[in-house]
PDB file of N, CA and C in Angstrom:
ATOM      1  N   MET A   1     -68.604 119.119 -64.286  1.00  0.00           N
ATOM      2  CA  MET A   1     -68.280 120.523 -64.131  1.00  0.00           C
ATOM      3  C   MET A   1     -69.269 121.123 -63.137  1.00  0.00           C
ATOM      4  N   THR A   2     -68.743 121.687 -62.075  1.00  0.00           N
ATOM      5  CA  THR A   2     -69.599 122.306 -61.064  1.00  0.00           C
ATOM      6  C   THR A   2     -69.278 123.795 -60.966  1.00  0.00           C
ATOM      7  N   PRO A   3     -70.206 124.582 -60.425  1.00  0.00           N
ATOM      8  CA  PRO A   3     -69.947 126.018 -60.284  1.00  0.00           C
ATOM      9  C   PRO A   3     -68.763 126.330 -59.369  1.00  0.00           C
ATOM     10  N   GLN A   4     -68.394 125.394 -58.490  1.00  0.00           N
ATOM     11  CA  GLN A   4     -67.298 125.635 -57.563  1.00  0.00           C
ATOM     12  C   GLN A   4     -65.922 125.426 -58.190  1.00  0.00           C
ATOM     13  N   MET A   5     -65.862 124.784 -59.338  1.00  0.00           N
ATOM     14  CA  MET A   5     -64.572 124.487 -59.972  1.00  0.00           C
ATOM     15  C   MET A   5     -63.940 125.751 -60.544  1.00  0.00           C
ATOM     16  N   ARG A   6     -62.617 125.813 -60.416  1.00  0.00           N
ATOM     17  CA  ARG A   6     -61.863 126.904 -61.035  1.00  0.00           C
ATOM     18  C   ARG A   6     -61.474 126.449 -62.435  1.00  0.00           C
ATOM     19  N   VAL A   7     -61.832 127.243 -63.431  1.00  0.00           N
ATOM     20  CA  VAL A   7     -61.564 126.897 -64.828  1.00  0.00           C
ATOM     21  C   VAL A   7     -60.683 127.978 -65.437  1.00  0.00           C
ATOM     22  N   PHE A   8     -59.573 127.533 -66.030  1.00  0.00           N
ATOM     23  CA  PHE A   8     -58.635 128.444 -66.677  1.00  0.00           C
ATOM     24  C   PHE A   8     -58.574 128.101 -68.160  1.00  0.00           C
ATOM     25  N   VAL A   9     -58.720 129.100 -69.005  1.00  0.00           N
ATOM     26  CA  VAL A   9     -58.652 128.906 -70.454  1.00  0.00           C
ATOM     27  C   VAL A   9     -57.414 129.633 -70.962  1.00  0.00           C
ATOM     28  N   ALA A  10     -56.509 128.884 -71.580  1.00  0.00           N
ATOM     29  CA  ALA A  10     -55.300 129.488 -72.153  1.00  0.00           C
ATOM     30  C   ALA A  10     -55.721 130.388 -73.304  1.00  0.00           C
ATOM     31  N   THR A  11     -55.291 131.634 -73.278  1.00  0.00           N
ATOM     32  CA  THR A  11     -55.717 132.575 -74.313  1.00  0.00           C
ATOM     33  C   THR A  11     -54.945 132.395 -75.620  1.00  0.00           C
ATOM     34  N   GLU A  12     -53.745 131.836 -75.534  1.00  0.00           N
ATOM     35  CA  GLU A  12     -52.948 131.603 -76.737  1.00  0.00           C
ATOM     36  C   GLU A  12     -53.070 130.146 -77.167  1.00  0.00           C
ATOM     37  N   PRO A  13     -53.111 129.878 -78.471  1.00  0.00           N
ATOM     38  CA  PRO A  13     -53.183 128.486 -78.938  1.00  0.00           C
ATOM     39  C   PRO A  13     -51.902 127.727 -78.630  1.00  0.00           C
ATOM     40  N   VAL A  14     -52.030 126.396 -78.546  1.00  0.00           N
ATOM     41  CA  VAL A  14     -50.885 125.532 -78.239  1.00  0.00           C
ATOM     42  C   VAL A  14     -50.714 124.497 -79.348  1.00  0.00           C
ATOM     43  N   ASP A  15     -49.589 123.824 -79.325  1.00  0.00           N
ATOM     44  CA  ASP A  15     -49.328 122.725 -80.254  1.00  0.00           C
ATOM     45  C   ASP A  15     -50.311 121.599 -79.934  1.00  0.00           C
ATOM     46  N   GLY A  16     -51.165 121.245 -80.874  1.00  0.00           N
ATOM     47  CA  GLY A  16     -52.195 120.236 -80.665  1.00  0.00           C
ATOM     48  C   GLY A  16     -51.666 118.842 -80.404  1.00  0.00           C
ATOM     49  N   ARG A  17     -50.380 118.619 -80.620  1.00  0.00           N
ATOM     50  CA  ARG A  17     -49.788 117.299 -80.381  1.00  0.00           C
ATOM     51  C   ARG A  17     -49.380 117.097 -78.936  1.00  0.00           C
ATOM     52  N   LYS A  18     -49.458 118.152 -78.120  1.00  0.00           N
ATOM     53  CA  LYS A  18     -49.040 118.030 -76.721  1.00  0.00           C
ATOM     54  C   LYS A  18     -49.951 117.066 -75.969  1.00  0.00           C
ATOM     55  N   ALA A  19     -49.325 116.243 -75.132  1.00  0.00           N
ATOM     56  CA  ALA A  19     -50.058 115.311 -74.282  1.00  0.00           C
ATOM     57  C   ALA A  19     -50.036 115.845 -72.851  1.00  0.00           C
ATOM     58  N   ILE A  20     -50.319 114.996 -71.881  1.00  0.00           N
ATOM     59  CA  ILE A  20     -50.442 115.432 -70.493  1.00  0.00           C
ATOM     60  C   ILE A  20     -49.197 116.149 -69.996  1.00  0.00           C
ATOM     61  N   ASN A  21     -48.024 115.557 -70.149  1.00  0.00           N
ATOM     62  CA  ASN A  21     -46.806 116.179 -69.615  1.00  0.00           C
ATOM     63  C   ASN A  21     -46.541 117.551 -70.217  1.00  0.00           C
ATOM     64  N   GLY A  22     -46.735 117.695 -71.512  1.00  0.00           N
ATOM     65  CA  GLY A  22     -46.528 118.984 -72.167  1.00  0.00           C
ATOM     66  C   GLY A  22     -47.516 120.036 -71.694  1.00  0.00           C
ATOM     67  N   LEU A  23     -48.770 119.644 -71.489  1.00  0.00           N
ATOM     68  CA  LEU A  23     -49.783 120.593 -71.022  1.00  0.00           C
ATOM     69  C   LEU A  23     -49.554 120.975 -69.561  1.00  0.00           C
ATOM     70  N   VAL A  24     -49.080 120.013 -68.747  1.00  0.00           N
ATOM     71  CA  VAL A  24     -48.750 120.326 -67.351  1.00  0.00           C
ATOM     72  C   VAL A  24     -47.654 121.383 -67.307  1.00  0.00           C
ATOM     73  N   MET A  25     -46.636 121.244 -68.149  1.00  0.00           N
ATOM     74  CA  MET A  25     -45.562 122.236 -68.193  1.00  0.00           C
ATOM     75  C   MET A  25     -46.083 123.604 -68.628  1.00  0.00           C
ATOM     76  N   LEU A  26     -47.019 123.626 -69.582  1.00  0.00           N
ATOM     77  CA  LEU A  26     -47.608 124.902 -70.000  1.00  0.00           C
ATOM     78  C   LEU A  26     -48.375 125.554 -68.853  1.00  0.00           C
ATOM     79  N   CYS A  27     -49.093 124.751 -68.077  1.00  0.00           N
ATOM     80  CA  CYS A  27     -49.821 125.293 -66.922  1.00  0.00           C
ATOM     81  C   CYS A  27     -48.858 125.991 -65.972  1.00  0.00           C
ATOM     82  N   GLN A  28     -47.725 125.345 -65.708  1.00  0.00           N
ATOM     83  CA  GLN A  28     -46.765 125.885 -64.754  1.00  0.00           C
ATOM     84  C   GLN A  28     -45.996 127.077 -65.305  1.00  0.00           C
ATOM     85  N   LYS A  29     -45.487 126.959 -66.515  1.00  0.00           N
ATOM     86  CA  LYS A  29     -44.589 127.984 -67.055  1.00  0.00           C
ATOM     87  C   LYS A  29     -45.307 129.140 -67.732  1.00  0.00           C
ATOM     88  N   CYS A  30     -46.316 128.848 -68.525  1.00  0.00           N
ATOM     89  CA  CYS A  30     -46.973 129.913 -69.291  1.00  0.00           C
ATOM     90  C   CYS A  30     -48.172 130.514 -68.554  1.00  0.00           C
ATOM     91  N   LEU A  31     -48.979 129.666 -67.916  1.00  0.00           N
ATOM     92  CA  LEU A  31     -50.167 130.166 -67.237  1.00  0.00           C
ATOM     93  C   LEU A  31     -49.891 130.556 -65.792  1.00  0.00           C
ATOM     94  N   CYS A  32     -48.721 130.150 -65.266  1.00  0.00           N
ATOM     95  CA  CYS A  32     -48.335 130.434 -63.875  1.00  0.00           C
ATOM     96  C   CYS A  32     -49.376 129.924 -62.881  1.00  0.00           C
ATOM     97  N   GLU A  33     -49.896 128.743 -63.142  1.00  0.00           N
ATOM     98  CA  GLU A  33     -50.879 128.103 -62.274  1.00  0.00           C
ATOM     99  C   GLU A  33     -50.409 126.700 -61.927  1.00  0.00           C
ATOM    100  N   ASP A  34     -50.865 126.186 -60.794  1.00  0.00           N
ATOM    101  CA  ASP A  34     -50.503 124.849 -60.344  1.00  0.00           C
ATOM    102  C   ASP A  34     -51.476 123.832 -60.932  1.00  0.00           C
ATOM    103  N   PRO A  35     -51.024 122.955 -61.820  1.00  0.00           N
ATOM    104  CA  PRO A  35     -51.932 121.979 -62.421  1.00  0.00           C
ATOM    105  C   PRO A  35     -52.419 120.925 -61.427  1.00  0.00           C
ATOM    106  N   PHE A  36     -51.772 120.821 -60.258  1.00  0.00           N
ATOM    107  CA  PHE A  36     -52.176 119.868 -59.226  1.00  0.00           C
ATOM    108  C   PHE A  36     -53.196 120.464 -58.262  1.00  0.00           C
ATOM    109  N   SER A  37     -53.660 121.674 -58.513  1.00  0.00           N
ATOM    110  CA  SER A  37     -54.559 122.386 -57.607  1.00  0.00           C
ATOM    111  C   SER A  37     -56.007 121.927 -57.705  1.00  0.00           C
ATOM    112  N   GLY A  38     -56.326 121.105 -58.684  1.00  0.00           N
ATOM    113  CA  GLY A  38     -57.711 120.680 -58.868  1.00  0.00           C
ATOM    114  C   GLY A  38     -58.463 121.537 -59.864  1.00  0.00           C
ATOM    115  N   GLY A  39     -57.804 122.533 -60.421  1.00  0.00           N
ATOM    116  CA  GLY A  39     -58.443 123.367 -61.438  1.00  0.00           C
ATOM    117  C   GLY A  39     -58.546 122.638 -62.760  1.00  0.00           C
ATOM    118  N   VAL A  40     -59.348 123.177 -63.647  1.00  0.00           N
ATOM    119  CA  VAL A  40     -59.532 122.622 -64.985  1.00  0.00           C
ATOM    120  C   VAL A  40     -58.891 123.590 -65.970  1.00  0.00           C
ATOM    121  N   PHE A  41     -58.085 123.064 -66.874  1.00  0.00           N
ATOM    122  CA  PHE A  41     -57.359 123.880 -67.835  1.00  0.00           C
ATOM    123  C   PHE A  41     -57.814 123.513 -69.245  1.00  0.00           C
ATOM    124  N   ILE A  42     -58.143 124.529 -70.037  1.00  0.00           N
ATOM    125  CA  ILE A  42     -58.634 124.297 -71.397  1.00  0.00           C
ATOM    126  C   ILE A  42     -57.681 124.965 -72.382  1.00  0.00           C
ATOM    127  N   PHE A  43     -57.315 124.206 -73.407  1.00  0.00           N
ATOM    128  CA  PHE A  43     -56.385 124.674 -74.434  1.00  0.00           C
ATOM    129  C   PHE A  43     -57.012 124.479 -75.808  1.00  0.00           C
ATOM    130  N   ARG A  44     -56.601 125.298 -76.761  1.00  0.00           N
ATOM    131  CA  ARG A  44     -57.031 125.093 -78.151  1.00  0.00           C
ATOM    132  C   ARG A  44     -55.803 124.925 -79.020  1.00  0.00           C
ATOM    133  N   SER A  45     -55.972 124.180 -80.094  1.00  0.00           N
ATOM    134  CA  SER A  45     -54.864 123.968 -81.019  1.00  0.00           C
ATOM    135  C   SER A  45     -54.696 125.201 -81.904  1.00  0.00           C
ATOM    136  N   ARG A  46     -53.541 125.319 -82.500  1.00  0.00           N
ATOM    137  CA  ARG A  46     -53.280 126.462 -83.389  1.00  0.00           C
ATOM    138  C   ARG A  46     -54.219 126.471 -84.586  1.00  0.00           C
ATOM    139  N   SER A  47     -54.565 125.292 -85.069  1.00  0.00           N
ATOM    140  CA  SER A  47     -55.445 125.216 -86.242  1.00  0.00           C
ATOM    141  C   SER A  47     -56.889 125.564 -85.902  1.00  0.00           C
ATOM    142  N   GLY A  48     -57.255 125.483 -84.613  1.00  0.00           N
ATOM    143  CA  GLY A  48     -58.629 125.773 -84.208  1.00  0.00           C
ATOM    144  C   GLY A  48     -59.570 124.600 -84.370  1.00  0.00           C
ATOM    145  N   HIS A  49     -59.055 123.441 -84.769  1.00  0.00           N
ATOM    146  CA  HIS A  49     -59.895 122.267 -84.986  1.00  0.00           C
ATOM    147  C   HIS A  49     -60.138 121.461 -83.714  1.00  0.00           C
ATOM    148  N   SER A  50     -59.297 121.655 -82.674  1.00  0.00           N
ATOM    149  CA  SER A  50     -59.464 120.835 -81.475  1.00  0.00           C
ATOM    150  C   SER A  50     -59.217 121.632 -80.203  1.00  0.00           C
ATOM    151  N   ARG A  51     -59.765 121.065 -79.106  1.00  0.00           N
ATOM    152  CA  ARG A  51     -59.598 121.612 -77.772  1.00  0.00           C
ATOM    153  C   ARG A  51     -59.232 120.475 -76.842  1.00  0.00           C
ATOM    154  N   LYS A  52     -58.418 120.785 -75.847  1.00  0.00           N
ATOM    155  CA  LYS A  52     -58.054 119.786 -74.846  1.00  0.00           C
ATOM    156  C   LYS A  52     -58.376 120.339 -73.471  1.00  0.00           C
ATOM    157  N   ILE A  53     -58.876 119.452 -72.608  1.00  0.00           N
ATOM    158  CA  ILE A  53     -59.213 119.799 -71.239  1.00  0.00           C
ATOM    159  C   ILE A  53     -58.370 118.923 -70.321  1.00  0.00           C
ATOM    160  N   LEU A  54     -57.626 119.561 -69.425  1.00  0.00           N
ATOM    161  CA  LEU A  54     -56.739 118.862 -68.503  1.00  0.00           C
ATOM    162  C   LEU A  54     -57.211 119.120 -67.076  1.00  0.00           C
ATOM    163  N   ALA A  55     -57.311 118.051 -66.285  1.00  0.00           N
ATOM    164  CA  ALA A  55     -57.718 118.188 -64.886  1.00  0.00           C
ATOM    165  C   ALA A  55     -57.009 117.147 -64.041  1.00  0.00           C
ATOM    166  N   TYR A  56     -56.654 117.521 -62.812  1.00  0.00           N
ATOM    167  CA  TYR A  56     -56.039 116.597 -61.854  1.00  0.00           C
ATOM    168  C   TYR A  56     -57.093 116.257 -60.813  1.00  0.00           C
ATOM    169  N   ASP A  57     -57.319 114.967 -60.580  1.00  0.00           N
ATOM    170  CA  ASP A  57     -58.376 114.554 -59.649  1.00  0.00           C
ATOM    171  C   ASP A  57     -57.854 114.041 -58.310  1.00  0.00           C
ATOM    172  N   GLY A  58     -56.582 114.282 -58.010  1.00  0.00           N
ATOM    173  CA  GLY A  58     -56.009 113.825 -56.753  1.00  0.00           C
ATOM    174  C   GLY A  58     -55.279 112.503 -56.886  1.00  0.00           C
ATOM    175  N   ASN A  59     -55.572 111.778 -57.937  1.00  0.00           N
ATOM    176  CA  ASN A  59     -54.952 110.483 -58.214  1.00  0.00           C
ATOM    177  C   ASN A  59     -54.094 110.516 -59.465  1.00  0.00           C
ATOM    178  N   GLY A  60     -54.461 111.360 -60.372  1.00  0.00           N
ATOM    179  CA  GLY A  60     -53.771 111.467 -61.649  1.00  0.00           C
ATOM    180  C   GLY A  60     -54.474 112.486 -62.529  1.00  0.00           C
ATOM    181  N   PHE A  61     -53.946 112.651 -63.708  1.00  0.00           N
ATOM    182  CA  PHE A  61     -54.516 113.627 -64.636  1.00  0.00           C
ATOM    183  C   PHE A  61     -55.532 112.965 -65.560  1.00  0.00           C
ATOM    184  N   ARG A  62     -56.521 113.743 -65.928  1.00  0.00           N
ATOM    185  CA  ARG A  62     -57.492 113.360 -66.950  1.00  0.00           C
ATOM    186  C   ARG A  62     -57.302 114.318 -68.112  1.00  0.00           C
ATOM    187  N   LEU A  63     -57.322 113.759 -69.311  1.00  0.00           N
ATOM    188  CA  LEU A  63     -57.181 114.579 -70.509  1.00  0.00           C
ATOM    189  C   LEU A  63     -58.311 114.230 -71.459  1.00  0.00           C
ATOM    190  N   ALA A  64     -59.077 115.225 -71.827  1.00  0.00           N
ATOM    191  CA  ALA A  64     -60.168 115.038 -72.787  1.00  0.00           C
ATOM    192  C   ALA A  64     -59.878 115.913 -73.997  1.00  0.00           C
ATOM    193  N   GLN A  65     -60.250 115.419 -75.157  1.00  0.00           N
ATOM    194  CA  GLN A  65     -60.038 116.178 -76.382  1.00  0.00           C
ATOM    195  C   GLN A  65     -61.296 116.121 -77.228  1.00  0.00           C
ATOM    196  N   LYS A  66     -61.611 117.238 -77.846  1.00  0.00           N
ATOM    197  CA  LYS A  66     -62.681 117.283 -78.837  1.00  0.00           C
ATOM    198  C   LYS A  66     -62.084 117.829 -80.111  1.00  0.00           C
ATOM    199  N   ARG A  67     -62.222 117.067 -81.189  1.00  0.00           N
ATOM    200  CA  ARG A  67     -61.694 117.480 -82.485  1.00  0.00           C
ATOM    201  C   ARG A  67     -62.846 117.504 -83.478  1.00  0.00           C
ATOM    202  N   LEU A  68     -62.978 118.607 -84.181  1.00  0.00           N
ATOM    203  CA  LEU A  68     -64.045 118.753 -85.170  1.00  0.00           C
ATOM    204  C   LEU A  68     -63.644 118.087 -86.486  1.00  0.00           C
ATOM    205  N   SER A  69     -64.599 117.437 -87.127  1.00  0.00           N
ATOM    206  CA  SER A  69     -64.321 116.844 -88.433  1.00  0.00           C
ATOM    207  C   SER A  69     -64.422 117.895 -89.539  1.00  0.00           C
ATOM    208  N   LYS A  70     -65.219 118.954 -89.286  1.00  0.00           N
ATOM    209  CA  LYS A  70     -65.338 120.062 -90.239  1.00  0.00           C
ATOM    210  C   LYS A  70     -65.397 121.365 -89.452  1.00  0.00           C
ATOM    211  N   GLY A  71     -64.827 122.389 -90.009  1.00  0.00           N
ATOM    212  CA  GLY A  71     -64.890 123.713 -89.395  1.00  0.00           C
ATOM    213  C   GLY A  71     -63.888 123.905 -88.278  1.00  0.00           C
ATOM    214  N   ARG A  72     -64.050 125.021 -87.583  1.00  0.00           N
ATOM    215  CA  ARG A  72     -63.158 125.399 -86.491  1.00  0.00           C
ATOM    216  C   ARG A  72     -63.975 125.910 -85.318  1.00  0.00           C
ATOM    217  N   PHE A  73     -63.378 125.824 -84.141  1.00  0.00           N
ATOM    218  CA  PHE A  73     -64.005 126.421 -82.969  1.00  0.00           C
ATOM    219  C   PHE A  73     -63.820 127.929 -83.052  1.00  0.00           C
ATOM    220  N   ASN A  74     -64.864 128.665 -82.763  1.00  0.00           N
ATOM    221  CA  ASN A  74     -64.817 130.127 -82.744  1.00  0.00           C
ATOM    222  C   ASN A  74     -65.087 130.611 -81.326  1.00  0.00           C
ATOM    223  N   ASN A  75     -65.155 131.890 -81.140  1.00  0.00           N
ATOM    224  CA  ASN A  75     -65.520 132.507 -79.863  1.00  0.00           C
ATOM    225  C   ASN A  75     -64.581 132.131 -78.728  1.00  0.00           C
ATOM    226  N   TRP A  76     -63.280 132.157 -78.980  1.00  0.00           N
ATOM    227  CA  TRP A  76     -62.323 131.854 -77.926  1.00  0.00           C
ATOM    228  C   TRP A  76     -62.171 133.061 -77.013  1.00  0.00           C
ATOM    229  N   PRO A  77     -62.201 132.877 -75.696  1.00  0.00           N
ATOM    230  CA  PRO A  77     -62.082 134.008 -74.771  1.00  0.00           C
ATOM    231  C   PRO A  77     -60.752 134.749 -74.929  1.00  0.00           C
ATOM    232  N   LYS A  78     -60.799 136.041 -74.742  1.00  0.00           N
ATOM    233  CA  LYS A  78     -59.605 136.867 -74.816  1.00  0.00           C
ATOM    234  C   LYS A  78     -59.335 137.456 -73.436  1.00  0.00           C
ATOM    235  N   SER A  79     -58.069 137.713 -73.174  1.00  0.00           N
ATOM    236  CA  SER A  79     -57.682 138.260 -71.877  1.00  0.00           C
ATOM    237  C   SER A  79     -56.361 138.997 -72.027  1.00  0.00           C
ATOM    238  N   GLN A  80     -56.092 139.917 -71.118  1.00  0.00           N
ATOM    239  CA  GLN A  80     -54.809 140.616 -71.117  1.00  0.00           C
ATOM    240  C   GLN A  80     -53.694 139.699 -70.632  1.00  0.00           C
ATOM    241  N   GLY A  81     -54.032 138.730 -69.784  1.00  0.00           N
ATOM    242  CA  GLY A  81     -53.046 137.814 -69.218  1.00  0.00           C
ATOM    243  C   GLY A  81     -52.955 136.519 -70.011  1.00  0.00           C
ATOM    244  N   PRO A  82     -52.218 135.543 -69.468  1.00  0.00           N
ATOM    245  CA  PRO A  82     -52.024 134.277 -70.174  1.00  0.00           C
ATOM    246  C   PRO A  82     -53.243 133.362 -70.151  1.00  0.00           C
ATOM    247  N   HIS A  83     -54.192 133.656 -69.243  1.00  0.00           N
ATOM    248  CA  HIS A  83     -55.394 132.830 -69.187  1.00  0.00           C
ATOM    249  C   HIS A  83     -56.604 133.667 -68.816  1.00  0.00           C
ATOM    250  N   SER A  84     -57.762 133.093 -69.070  1.00  0.00           N
ATOM    251  CA  SER A  84     -59.029 133.723 -68.759  1.00  0.00           C
ATOM    252  C   SER A  84     -59.788 132.777 -67.832  1.00  0.00           C
ATOM    253  N   ARG A  85     -60.561 133.303 -66.895  1.00  0.00           N
ATOM    254  CA  ARG A  85     -61.350 132.461 -65.996  1.00  0.00           C
ATOM    255  C   ARG A  85     -62.769 132.363 -66.536  1.00  0.00           C
ATOM    256  N   LEU A  86     -63.333 131.162 -66.504  1.00  0.00           N
ATOM    257  CA  LEU A  86     -64.703 130.944 -66.950  1.00  0.00           C
ATOM    258  C   LEU A  86     -65.517 130.301 -65.852  1.00  0.00           C
ATOM    259  N   ARG A  87     -66.836 130.476 -65.915  1.00  0.00           N
ATOM    260  CA  ARG A  87     -67.766 129.802 -65.019  1.00  0.00           C
ATOM    261  C   ARG A  87     -68.270 128.539 -65.712  1.00  0.00           C
ATOM    262  N   ALA A  88     -68.901 127.663 -64.942  1.00  0.00           N
ATOM    263  CA  ALA A  88     -69.314 126.342 -65.443  1.00  0.00           C
ATOM    264  C   ALA A  88     -70.163 126.442 -66.715  1.00  0.00           C
ATOM    265  N   HIS A  89     -71.179 127.311 -66.735  1.00  0.00           N
ATOM    266  CA  HIS A  89     -72.039 127.382 -67.922  1.00  0.00           C
ATOM    267  C   HIS A  89     -71.271 127.906 -69.136  1.00  0.00           C
ATOM    268  N   GLN A  90     -70.254 128.727 -68.904  1.00  0.00           N
ATOM    269  CA  GLN A  90     -69.455 129.237 -70.007  1.00  0.00           C
ATOM    270  C   GLN A  90     -68.586 128.130 -70.613  1.00  0.00           C
ATOM    271  N   VAL A  91     -68.127 127.202 -69.770  1.00  0.00           N
ATOM    272  CA  VAL A  91     -67.329 126.077 -70.259  1.00  0.00           C
ATOM    273  C   VAL A  91     -68.178 125.201 -71.171  1.00  0.00           C
ATOM    274  N   TYR A  92     -69.419 124.939 -70.771  1.00  0.00           N
ATOM    275  CA  TYR A  92     -70.311 124.150 -71.626  1.00  0.00           C
ATOM    276  C   TYR A  92     -70.509 124.826 -72.979  1.00  0.00           C
ATOM    277  N   ALA A  93     -70.734 126.131 -72.968  1.00  0.00           N
ATOM    278  CA  ALA A  93     -70.913 126.860 -74.232  1.00  0.00           C
ATOM    279  C   ALA A  93     -69.651 126.780 -75.081  1.00  0.00           C
ATOM    280  N   LEU A  94     -68.495 126.966 -74.460  1.00  0.00           N
ATOM    281  CA  LEU A  94     -67.218 126.922 -75.174  1.00  0.00           C
ATOM    282  C   LEU A  94     -67.001 125.545 -75.803  1.00  0.00           C
ATOM    283  N   CYS A  95     -67.262 124.485 -75.051  1.00  0.00           N
ATOM    284  CA  CYS A  95     -67.033 123.119 -75.553  1.00  0.00           C
ATOM    285  C   CYS A  95     -68.008 122.733 -76.659  1.00  0.00           C
ATOM    286  N   MET A  96     -69.160 123.343 -76.683  1.00  0.00           N
ATOM    287  CA  MET A  96     -70.137 123.038 -77.728  1.00  0.00           C
ATOM    288  C   MET A  96     -70.009 123.971 -78.932  1.00  0.00           C
ATOM    289  N   GLY A  97     -69.003 124.845 -78.909  1.00  0.00           N
ATOM    290  CA  GLY A  97     -68.775 125.737 -80.040  1.00  0.00           C
ATOM    291  C   GLY A  97     -69.558 127.023 -79.970  1.00  0.00           C
ATOM    292  N   GLY A  98     -70.194 127.287 -78.823  1.00  0.00           N
ATOM    293  CA  GLY A  98     -70.973 128.502 -78.659  1.00  0.00           C
ATOM    294  C   GLY A  98     -70.137 129.644 -78.120  1.00  0.00           C
ATOM    295  N   ASP A  99     -70.801 130.715 -77.776  1.00  0.00           N
ATOM    296  CA  ASP A  99     -70.145 131.913 -77.263  1.00  0.00           C
ATOM    297  C   ASP A  99     -70.111 131.863 -75.738  1.00  0.00           C
ATOM    298  N   PRO A 100     -68.921 131.706 -75.130  1.00  0.00           N
ATOM    299  CA  PRO A 100     -68.860 131.660 -73.671  1.00  0.00           C
ATOM    300  C   PRO A 100     -69.179 133.000 -73.011  1.00  0.00           C
ATOM    301  N   GLY A 101     -69.194 134.069 -73.793  1.00  0.00           N
ATOM    302  CA  GLY A 101     -69.526 135.382 -73.254  1.00  0.00           C
ATOM    303  C   GLY A 101     -71.023 135.615 -73.116  1.00  0.00           C
ATOM    304  N   ALA A 102     -71.831 134.668 -73.602  1.00  0.00           N
ATOM    305  CA  ALA A 102     -73.282 134.819 -73.501  1.00  0.00           C
ATOM    306  C   ALA A 102     -73.697 134.803 -72.035  1.00  0.00           C
ATOM    307  N   ARG A 103     -74.657 135.620 -71.723  1.00  0.00           N
ATOM    308  CA  ARG A 103     -75.107 135.734 -70.331  1.00  0.00           C
ATOM    309  C   ARG A 103     -75.911 134.499 -69.944  1.00  0.00           C
ATOM    310  N   GLY A 104     -75.629 133.976 -68.756  1.00  0.00           N
ATOM    311  CA  GLY A 104     -76.357 132.826 -68.232  1.00  0.00           C
ATOM    312  C   GLY A 104     -76.917 133.150 -66.862  1.00  0.00           C
ATOM    313  N   ALA A 105     -77.626 132.198 -66.297  1.00  0.00           N
ATOM    314  CA  ALA A 105     -78.180 132.379 -64.957  1.00  0.00           C
ATOM    315  C   ALA A 105     -77.035 132.433 -63.943  1.00  0.00           C
ATOM    316  N   PRO A 106     -77.207 133.175 -62.866  1.00  0.00           N
ATOM    317  CA  PRO A 106     -76.155 133.203 -61.844  1.00  0.00           C
ATOM    318  C   PRO A 106     -75.993 131.821 -61.218  1.00  0.00           C
ATOM    319  N   ASP A 107     -74.783 131.533 -60.710  1.00  0.00           N
ATOM    320  CA  ASP A 107     -74.518 130.240 -60.088  1.00  0.00           C
ATOM    321  C   ASP A 107     -75.330 130.050 -58.813  1.00  0.00           C
ATOM    322  N   TRP A 108     -75.585 131.126 -58.101  1.00  0.00           N
ATOM    323  CA  TRP A 108     -76.316 131.058 -56.840  1.00  0.00           C
ATOM    324  C   TRP A 108     -77.075 132.344 -56.654  1.00  0.00           C
ATOM    325  N   ARG A 109     -78.257 132.232 -56.114  1.00  0.00           N
ATOM    326  CA  ARG A 109     -79.013 133.426 -55.747  1.00  0.00           C
ATOM    327  C   ARG A 109     -79.887 133.083 -54.563  1.00  0.00           C
ATOM    328  N   PRO A 110     -80.067 134.024 -53.648  1.00  0.00           N
ATOM    329  CA  PRO A 110     -80.878 133.745 -52.453  1.00  0.00           C
ATOM    330  C   PRO A 110     -82.360 133.601 -52.806  1.00  0.00           C
ATOM    331  N   LEU A 111     -83.016 132.744 -52.078  1.00  0.00           N
ATOM    332  CA  LEU A 111     -84.475 132.585 -52.247  1.00  0.00           C
ATOM    333  C   LEU A 111     -85.184 133.675 -51.452  1.00  0.00           C
ATOM    334  N   PRO A 112     -86.247 134.246 -52.012  1.00  0.00           N
ATOM    335  CA  PRO A 112     -86.988 135.253 -51.252  1.00  0.00           C
ATOM    336  C   PRO A 112     -87.710 134.570 -50.085  1.00  0.00           C
ATOM    337  N   LEU A 113     -87.617 135.177 -48.931  1.00  0.00           N
ATOM    338  CA  LEU A 113     -88.292 134.631 -47.740  1.00  0.00           C
ATOM    339  C   LEU A 113     -89.607 135.356 -47.504  1.00  0.00           C
ATOM    340  N   GLY A 114     -90.581 134.585 -47.142  1.00  0.00           N
ATOM    341  CA  GLY A 114     -91.853 135.157 -46.714  1.00  0.00           C
ATOM    342  C   GLY A 114     -92.730 135.494 -47.787  1.00  0.00           C
TER     343      GLY A 114
END
C-alpha cells in the first residue's frame, strides 16, 4: 500500500460469500468505479466478521480476506455516496480494526531549506 494508490471503501456491507467476479460487478454497478483502474477496493461482510480487499495488478485480480475468529470490525467509514476514499495509513488502521478517521502524518511535506 503506497500513498499514491487510490483506495475505495464500500460504505454498504456486501454478501461475504462473493468472490472476485461478484466483487468486480459491485465495483462497476454499485460503486461506479472501474475495477481495472489499479485502485484498491475494500468491502465488509454484513455480519462484520470479515473484510475483503480487491485489487487489479495489470495481470489479474488479487483478493485478500481477513476474518475475525471473535468479535466484529468496528469503525467503518461512512459517506453520502456508495464509497469513501481513504489514504494509505487509514487503510492500515481499518485493516487492523482501528479507527481510520484517526489523524496521521501527512503523506508528503516539503523540507525546510536553509
